[in-house]
Amino acid sequence: MIRNIPKAELHCHIEGAAEPALALAQAAKYGVDVSDRIDLDKGYLWSDFTSFLETYDLVASLFRTPEDYVLLAETHYLNLARQNCIYAEIFISPEHAERIGCSYGTLITAIAEGMENARAATGIEGRMIVTGIRHAGADAVEEAAQLAVDHPHPLVTGFGMAGDERIGHPSDFTRAFDIARDGELGITCHAGEFGGADSVEAALDYLKPDRIGHGVRAIEHPALVRRLAESGTVLEVCPVSNLVLGVFPSVEAHPLRQLVDAGCKVTLNSDDPPHFHTTLENEYAVASEAFGFDDTALAGFTRTAIEAAFVDGDTRARLLEKCAAGGIE
């Protein structure tokens, strides 16, 4: 039954979505020894958050040309379509383009080509969120926002910030988010993952996002949970990622059910799926089997995602029609 439910995703990092087999093929292409980080049977090899970031960066470094990014995006969206996903947003980083000597425009064009190839084959819809890296500093995040605004693309519809949320304060990044907002981009921001509830509150106060990436540690402040519910700010929750990375020690400790019961708007997401041995479909299965959400509730997560998606009205209406055709009212 999980496969039959139409799904949608708002929180996934494109380089983090590369399957181990694809990463190994890229490593062979460029003659890079990745044997201590990638195993075809065991997947990605890391032991803590620091080594996860190192492995993530290694995998990202294996995508070096526009053709590589066409392949990565197309493969990711085709994989999602097989899971009955009808819409998905991905985070893309201008900083990574710079590291591999690729212009922002070239990166966007390549990813868009991969997305369009998958759309032509399956009908899956997608959009990109340009992401500034928090620990790179306020100037770098501002530069990412300015790039997104100065070089518009129809599939780039959002701006966000990822990276180590324990570094800096949201007030340092207000100009970057003002630039993006003035450029009519949807606004999201990672907060409340490795930063506590205070990081969520500060993001709301200073960055005024439409959505919060993760946001789960808001549960530490009941008043903040009420604020999220009353404002309708959508939480992009990644349950398996939170458990694997130790944000919460167990399913029982994870606040997904509490947040939903408190009236918060929540979506299900895979974050960096193969690194956490998950898929979007598995996130829905975990929500069902571990958290006790029935099919109606699972369908509700999809509808919430479509309603919160950074798309135009006509696209949203078409996606909601697909939801209804799939039994989501």
Protein backbone atom coordinates (compact mmCIF):
# COMPACT_ATOMS: atom_id res chain seq x y z
CA MET A 1 0.00 0.00 0.00
CA ILE A 2 2.89 2.40 0.66
CA ARG A 3 3.97 2.17 -3.00
CA ASN A 4 0.46 3.16 -4.12
CA ILE A 5 0.40 6.41 -2.15
CA PRO A 6 1.52 9.42 -4.24
CA LYS A 7 4.52 11.02 -2.54
CA ALA A 8 6.31 14.36 -2.54
CA GLU A 9 9.62 15.54 -1.12
CA LEU A 10 10.89 18.99 -0.16
CA HIS A 11 14.25 18.23 1.50
CA CYS A 12 17.00 16.35 -0.33
CA HIS A 13 20.60 17.31 -1.17
CA ILE A 14 21.35 16.34 -4.77
CA GLU A 15 24.93 15.13 -4.24
CA GLY A 16 23.73 13.25 -1.16
CA ALA A 17 21.23 11.39 -3.32
CA ALA A 18 23.89 9.66 -5.44
CA GLU A 19 23.60 5.90 -5.01
CA PRO A 20 26.83 4.03 -4.14
CA ALA A 21 26.87 2.25 -7.51
CA LEU A 22 26.77 5.58 -9.33
CA ALA A 23 29.44 7.05 -7.06
CA LEU A 24 31.69 4.04 -7.68
CA ALA A 25 31.22 4.41 -11.44
CA GLN A 26 32.18 8.09 -11.16
CA ALA A 27 35.23 7.20 -9.06
CA ALA A 28 36.36 4.72 -11.70
CA LYS A 29 35.81 7.34 -14.38
CA TYR A 30 38.16 9.77 -12.64
CA GLY A 31 40.58 7.25 -11.16
CA VAL A 32 39.76 8.08 -7.54
CA ASP A 33 40.32 5.50 -4.79
CA VAL A 34 37.18 5.48 -2.63
CA SER A 35 37.57 2.00 -1.13
CA ASP A 36 37.71 3.33 2.44
CA ARG A 37 34.45 5.27 1.99
CA ILE A 38 32.23 3.35 -0.44
CA ASP A 39 31.41 -0.35 -0.64
CA LEU A 40 28.98 -1.69 -3.23
CA ASP A 41 27.36 -4.07 -0.72
CA LYS A 42 27.64 -2.03 2.50
CA GLY A 43 27.09 1.38 0.96
CA TYR A 44 28.69 4.53 2.30
CA LEU A 45 31.11 4.02 5.17
CA TRP A 46 31.17 6.59 7.96
CA SER A 47 30.97 6.47 11.74
CA ASP A 48 29.91 9.89 13.02
CA PHE A 49 28.65 13.25 11.78
CA THR A 50 32.15 14.48 10.91
CA SER A 51 33.00 11.39 8.86
CA PHE A 52 29.56 11.58 7.22
CA LEU A 53 30.36 15.12 6.04
CA GLU A 54 33.75 13.92 4.77
CA THR A 55 32.12 11.09 2.84
CA TYR A 56 29.47 13.44 1.48
CA ASP A 57 32.16 15.83 0.23
CA LEU A 58 34.10 12.98 -1.34
CA VAL A 59 31.03 11.78 -3.24
CA ALA A 60 30.21 15.33 -4.30
CA SER A 61 33.74 15.72 -5.70
CA LEU A 62 33.09 12.84 -8.10
CA PHE A 63 30.60 14.95 -10.08
CA ARG A 64 32.79 17.32 -12.08
CA THR A 65 31.18 18.12 -15.42
CA PRO A 66 27.78 19.19 -16.72
CA GLU A 67 27.30 15.69 -18.09
CA ASP A 68 27.90 14.25 -14.63
CA TYR A 69 25.16 16.46 -13.21
CA VAL A 70 22.72 15.60 -15.98
CA LEU A 71 23.24 11.95 -15.08
CA LEU A 72 22.96 12.57 -11.33
CA ALA A 73 19.73 14.56 -11.56
CA GLU A 74 18.10 12.25 -14.10
CA THR A 75 19.01 9.14 -12.08
CA HIS A 76 17.66 10.69 -8.87
CA TYR A 77 14.33 11.73 -10.35
CA LEU A 78 13.80 8.44 -12.17
CA ASN A 79 14.46 6.65 -8.88
CA LEU A 80 11.88 8.84 -7.14
CA ALA A 81 9.33 8.24 -9.90
CA ARG A 82 9.65 4.49 -9.32
CA GLN A 83 8.58 5.17 -5.72
CA ASN A 84 5.41 6.92 -6.97
CA CYS A 85 6.80 10.35 -6.13
CA ILE A 86 5.04 13.02 -8.16
CA TYR A 87 7.05 16.06 -7.02
CA ALA A 88 10.47 16.65 -5.49
CA GLU A 89 12.68 19.60 -4.66
CA ILE A 90 16.46 19.35 -4.40
CA PHE A 91 19.09 21.52 -2.73
CA ILE A 92 21.90 22.66 -5.00
CA SER A 93 25.05 24.51 -3.95
CA PRO A 94 26.82 27.22 -5.98
CA GLU A 95 29.80 26.67 -3.68
CA HIS A 96 30.23 23.15 -5.00
CA ALA A 97 30.03 24.43 -8.59
CA GLU A 98 32.83 26.84 -7.77
CA ARG A 99 34.97 24.08 -6.24
CA ILE A 100 34.82 22.01 -9.43
CA GLY A 101 35.36 25.00 -11.70
CA CYS A 102 31.81 25.03 -13.01
CA SER A 103 29.81 28.24 -13.34
CA TYR A 104 26.51 28.56 -11.51
CA GLY A 105 24.63 28.85 -14.80
CA THR A 106 26.25 25.73 -16.21
CA LEU A 107 25.40 23.75 -13.06
CA ILE A 108 21.75 24.84 -13.11
CA THR A 109 21.37 24.10 -16.82
CA ALA A 110 22.81 20.61 -16.40
CA ILE A 111 20.65 19.69 -13.42
CA ALA A 112 17.60 21.08 -15.19
CA GLU A 113 18.34 18.90 -18.22
CA GLY A 114 18.44 15.81 -16.04
CA MET A 115 15.21 16.79 -14.33
CA GLU A 116 13.48 17.43 -17.65
CA ASN A 117 14.66 14.09 -19.03
CA ALA A 118 13.07 12.33 -16.06
CA ARG A 119 9.92 14.41 -16.37
CA ALA A 120 9.57 13.50 -20.05
CA ALA A 121 9.94 9.81 -19.19
CA THR A 122 7.72 9.65 -16.10
CA GLY A 123 5.84 12.91 -15.52
CA ILE A 124 7.63 13.66 -12.24
CA GLU A 125 7.84 17.37 -11.48
CA GLY A 126 10.82 18.98 -9.77
CA ARG A 127 12.33 22.26 -8.63
CA MET A 128 15.69 23.44 -7.27
CA ILE A 129 16.49 25.34 -4.07
CA VAL A 130 19.77 27.28 -4.16
CA THR A 131 21.49 26.74 -0.83
CA GLY A 132 24.05 28.87 0.96
CA ILE A 133 26.49 27.08 3.28
CA ARG A 134 26.20 28.50 6.76
CA HIS A 135 29.70 27.70 7.98
CA ALA A 136 31.15 29.36 4.86
CA GLY A 137 30.07 32.69 6.33
CA ALA A 138 27.53 35.44 5.71
CA ASP A 139 29.27 36.76 2.60
CA ALA A 140 29.19 33.35 0.90
CA VAL A 141 25.49 32.86 1.70
CA GLU A 142 24.73 36.34 0.41
CA GLU A 143 26.65 35.58 -2.79
CA ALA A 144 24.60 32.42 -3.30
CA ALA A 145 21.37 34.39 -2.92
CA GLN A 146 22.56 37.05 -5.34
CA LEU A 147 23.50 34.43 -7.93
CA ALA A 148 20.06 32.88 -7.73
CA VAL A 149 18.35 36.25 -8.18
CA ASP A 150 20.68 37.58 -10.88
CA HIS A 151 20.50 34.41 -12.99
CA PRO A 152 16.85 33.31 -12.85
CA HIS A 153 15.82 29.89 -14.10
CA PRO A 154 12.25 28.55 -14.20
CA LEU A 155 13.21 25.49 -12.17
CA VAL A 156 15.01 27.48 -9.46
CA THR A 157 12.22 28.60 -7.17
CA GLY A 158 13.66 28.62 -3.66
CA PHE A 159 16.55 29.70 -1.49
CA GLY A 160 17.79 28.15 1.73
CA MET A 161 20.73 27.67 4.03
CA ALA A 162 22.38 24.41 5.11
CA GLY A 163 25.63 23.60 6.86
CA ASP A 164 26.63 23.59 10.51
CA GLU A 165 23.87 25.46 12.33
CA ARG A 166 26.04 25.70 15.43
CA ILE A 167 28.17 28.28 13.61
CA GLY A 168 27.01 31.87 13.36
CA HIS A 169 23.58 33.26 14.18
CA PRO A 170 20.58 33.71 11.87
CA SER A 171 20.86 37.47 12.35
CA ASP A 172 24.16 37.27 10.41
CA PHE A 173 22.30 36.11 7.31
CA THR A 174 19.31 38.45 7.13
CA ARG A 175 20.62 40.32 4.09
CA ALA A 176 21.04 37.12 2.10
CA PHE A 177 17.47 36.08 2.81
CA ASP A 178 16.15 39.57 2.07
CA ILE A 179 17.86 39.40 -1.34
CA ALA A 180 16.25 36.03 -2.06
CA ARG A 181 12.84 37.13 -0.83
CA ASP A 182 12.96 40.33 -2.88
CA GLY A 183 13.82 38.10 -5.84
CA GLU A 184 10.54 36.24 -5.23
CA LEU A 185 12.15 32.97 -4.20
CA GLY A 186 10.53 30.72 -1.63
CA ILE A 187 12.42 30.65 1.65
CA THR A 188 13.52 27.68 3.73
CA CYS A 189 16.32 27.19 6.25
CA HIS A 190 17.92 24.28 8.07
CA ALA A 191 17.38 24.68 11.82
CA GLY A 192 16.57 22.53 14.81
CA GLU A 193 18.67 19.53 13.79
CA PHE A 194 22.04 19.81 15.53
CA GLY A 195 21.09 23.23 16.81
CA GLY A 196 18.43 23.20 19.51
CA ALA A 197 15.02 24.82 19.68
CA ASP A 198 16.67 28.22 19.95
CA SER A 199 18.01 27.82 16.42
CA VAL A 200 14.47 27.35 15.12
CA GLU A 201 13.19 30.36 17.01
CA ALA A 202 16.05 32.55 15.77
CA ALA A 203 15.48 31.42 12.17
CA LEU A 204 11.81 32.39 12.46
CA ASP A 205 12.65 35.75 14.00
CA TYR A 206 15.42 36.84 11.66
CA LEU A 207 14.98 34.91 8.39
CA LYS A 208 11.19 34.59 8.26
CA PRO A 209 11.15 31.31 6.30
CA ASP A 210 8.10 29.71 4.74
CA ARG A 211 9.49 26.35 5.81
CA ILE A 212 12.07 24.97 8.23
CA GLY A 213 14.43 22.17 7.22
CA HIS A 214 14.21 19.57 10.03
CA GLY A 215 12.90 21.77 12.89
CA VAL A 216 12.34 18.71 15.05
CA ARG A 217 14.12 20.07 18.12
CA ALA A 218 11.42 22.69 18.41
CA ILE A 219 9.81 20.03 20.59
CA GLU A 220 12.13 21.19 23.40
CA HIS A 221 10.07 24.42 23.73
CA PRO A 222 6.29 23.88 23.91
CA ALA A 223 5.65 27.57 23.21
CA LEU A 224 7.69 27.30 20.02
CA VAL A 225 5.69 24.27 18.90
CA ARG A 226 2.52 26.30 19.41
CA ARG A 227 4.05 29.16 17.42
CA LEU A 228 4.87 26.83 14.52
CA ALA A 229 1.38 25.38 14.54
CA GLU A 230 -0.30 28.78 14.66
CA SER A 231 1.89 30.30 11.94
CA GLY A 232 1.57 27.31 9.63
CA THR A 233 5.33 27.18 9.07
CA VAL A 234 6.00 23.84 7.40
CA LEU A 235 8.58 21.45 8.86
CA GLU A 236 10.62 19.37 6.42
CA VAL A 237 11.11 16.38 8.73
CA CYS A 238 13.64 13.64 7.88
CA PRO A 239 12.93 10.86 10.43
CA VAL A 240 15.49 8.25 9.38
CA SER A 241 18.25 10.85 8.98
CA ASN A 242 17.52 12.12 12.50
CA LEU A 243 17.76 8.61 13.93
CA VAL A 244 20.87 7.52 12.03
CA LEU A 245 22.75 10.73 12.88
CA GLY A 246 21.73 10.46 16.53
CA VAL A 247 19.67 13.63 16.75
CA PHE A 248 17.28 11.39 18.70
CA PRO A 249 18.33 8.06 20.22
CA SER A 250 15.25 6.06 19.22
CA VAL A 251 11.95 6.09 17.40
CA GLU A 252 10.24 6.50 20.75
CA ALA A 253 12.22 9.69 21.40
CA HIS A 254 11.59 11.18 17.95
CA PRO A 255 8.89 13.90 18.07
CA LEU A 256 7.25 13.32 14.66
CA ARG A 257 3.98 12.16 16.21
CA GLN A 258 4.01 14.90 18.85
CA LEU A 259 4.54 17.64 16.27
CA VAL A 260 1.68 16.36 14.12
CA ASP A 261 -0.62 15.98 17.12
CA ALA A 262 0.23 19.55 18.15
CA GLY A 263 -1.07 20.81 14.80
CA CYS A 264 2.25 21.48 13.07
CA LYS A 265 2.39 21.13 9.30
CA VAL A 266 4.86 18.33 8.57
CA THR A 267 6.28 16.67 5.45
CA LEU A 268 8.37 13.50 5.09
CA ASN A 269 11.80 13.67 3.46
CA SER A 270 14.91 11.55 2.89
CA ASP A 271 17.70 14.18 3.27
CA ASP A 272 20.72 12.19 1.89
CA PRO A 273 18.95 8.87 1.32
CA PRO A 274 21.67 6.31 0.46
CA HIS A 275 23.94 7.63 3.21
CA PHE A 276 21.22 6.70 5.71
CA HIS A 277 20.11 3.50 3.95
CA THR A 278 16.72 4.97 3.24
CA THR A 279 14.48 6.14 0.40
CA LEU A 280 11.49 8.45 0.27
CA GLU A 281 9.26 5.39 0.13
CA ASN A 282 10.98 4.05 3.23
CA GLU A 283 10.31 7.33 5.08
CA TYR A 284 6.59 6.80 4.46
CA ALA A 285 6.92 3.16 5.56
CA VAL A 286 8.71 4.20 8.76
CA ALA A 287 6.02 6.80 9.45
CA SER A 288 3.46 4.02 9.12
CA GLU A 289 5.18 1.15 10.87
CA ALA A 290 7.17 2.94 13.57
CA PHE A 291 5.00 5.98 14.25
CA GLY A 292 1.57 4.51 13.57
CA PHE A 293 0.32 6.87 10.88
CA ASP A 294 -2.45 5.36 8.74
CA ASP A 295 -2.81 5.73 4.96
CA THR A 296 -4.95 8.85 5.30
CA ALA A 297 -2.28 10.53 7.41
CA LEU A 298 0.47 9.45 4.99
CA ALA A 299 -1.49 10.95 2.12
CA GLY A 300 -1.83 14.09 4.21
CA PHE A 301 1.95 14.45 4.35
CA THR A 302 2.02 14.46 0.56
CA ARG A 303 -0.74 17.03 0.28
CA THR A 304 1.03 19.28 2.81
CA ALA A 305 4.21 19.04 0.73
CA ILE A 306 2.39 20.01 -2.46
CA GLU A 307 0.67 22.91 -0.74
CA ALA A 308 4.05 24.10 0.60
CA ALA A 309 5.98 23.48 -2.62
CA PHE A 310 7.78 26.38 -4.27
CA VAL A 311 5.75 26.21 -7.48
CA ASP A 312 3.33 28.41 -9.38
CA GLY A 313 -0.41 28.08 -8.91
CA ASP A 314 -1.07 26.13 -12.11
CA THR A 315 1.60 23.55 -11.28
CA ARG A 316 0.28 23.20 -7.75
CA ALA A 317 -3.23 22.64 -9.07
CA ARG A 318 -2.01 19.91 -11.44
CA LEU A 319 -0.11 18.21 -8.64
CA LEU A 320 -3.12 18.35 -6.34
CA GLU A 321 -5.17 16.75 -9.12
CA LYS A 322 -2.62 13.93 -9.24
CA CYS A 323 -2.98 13.57 -5.48
CA ALA A 324 -6.74 13.30 -5.82
CA ALA A 325 -6.39 10.77 -8.64
CA GLY A 326 -4.19 8.75 -6.31
CA GLY A 327 -6.78 8.81 -3.58
CA ILE A 328 -5.61 11.92 -1.70
CA GLU A 329 -8.48 14.29 -1.05
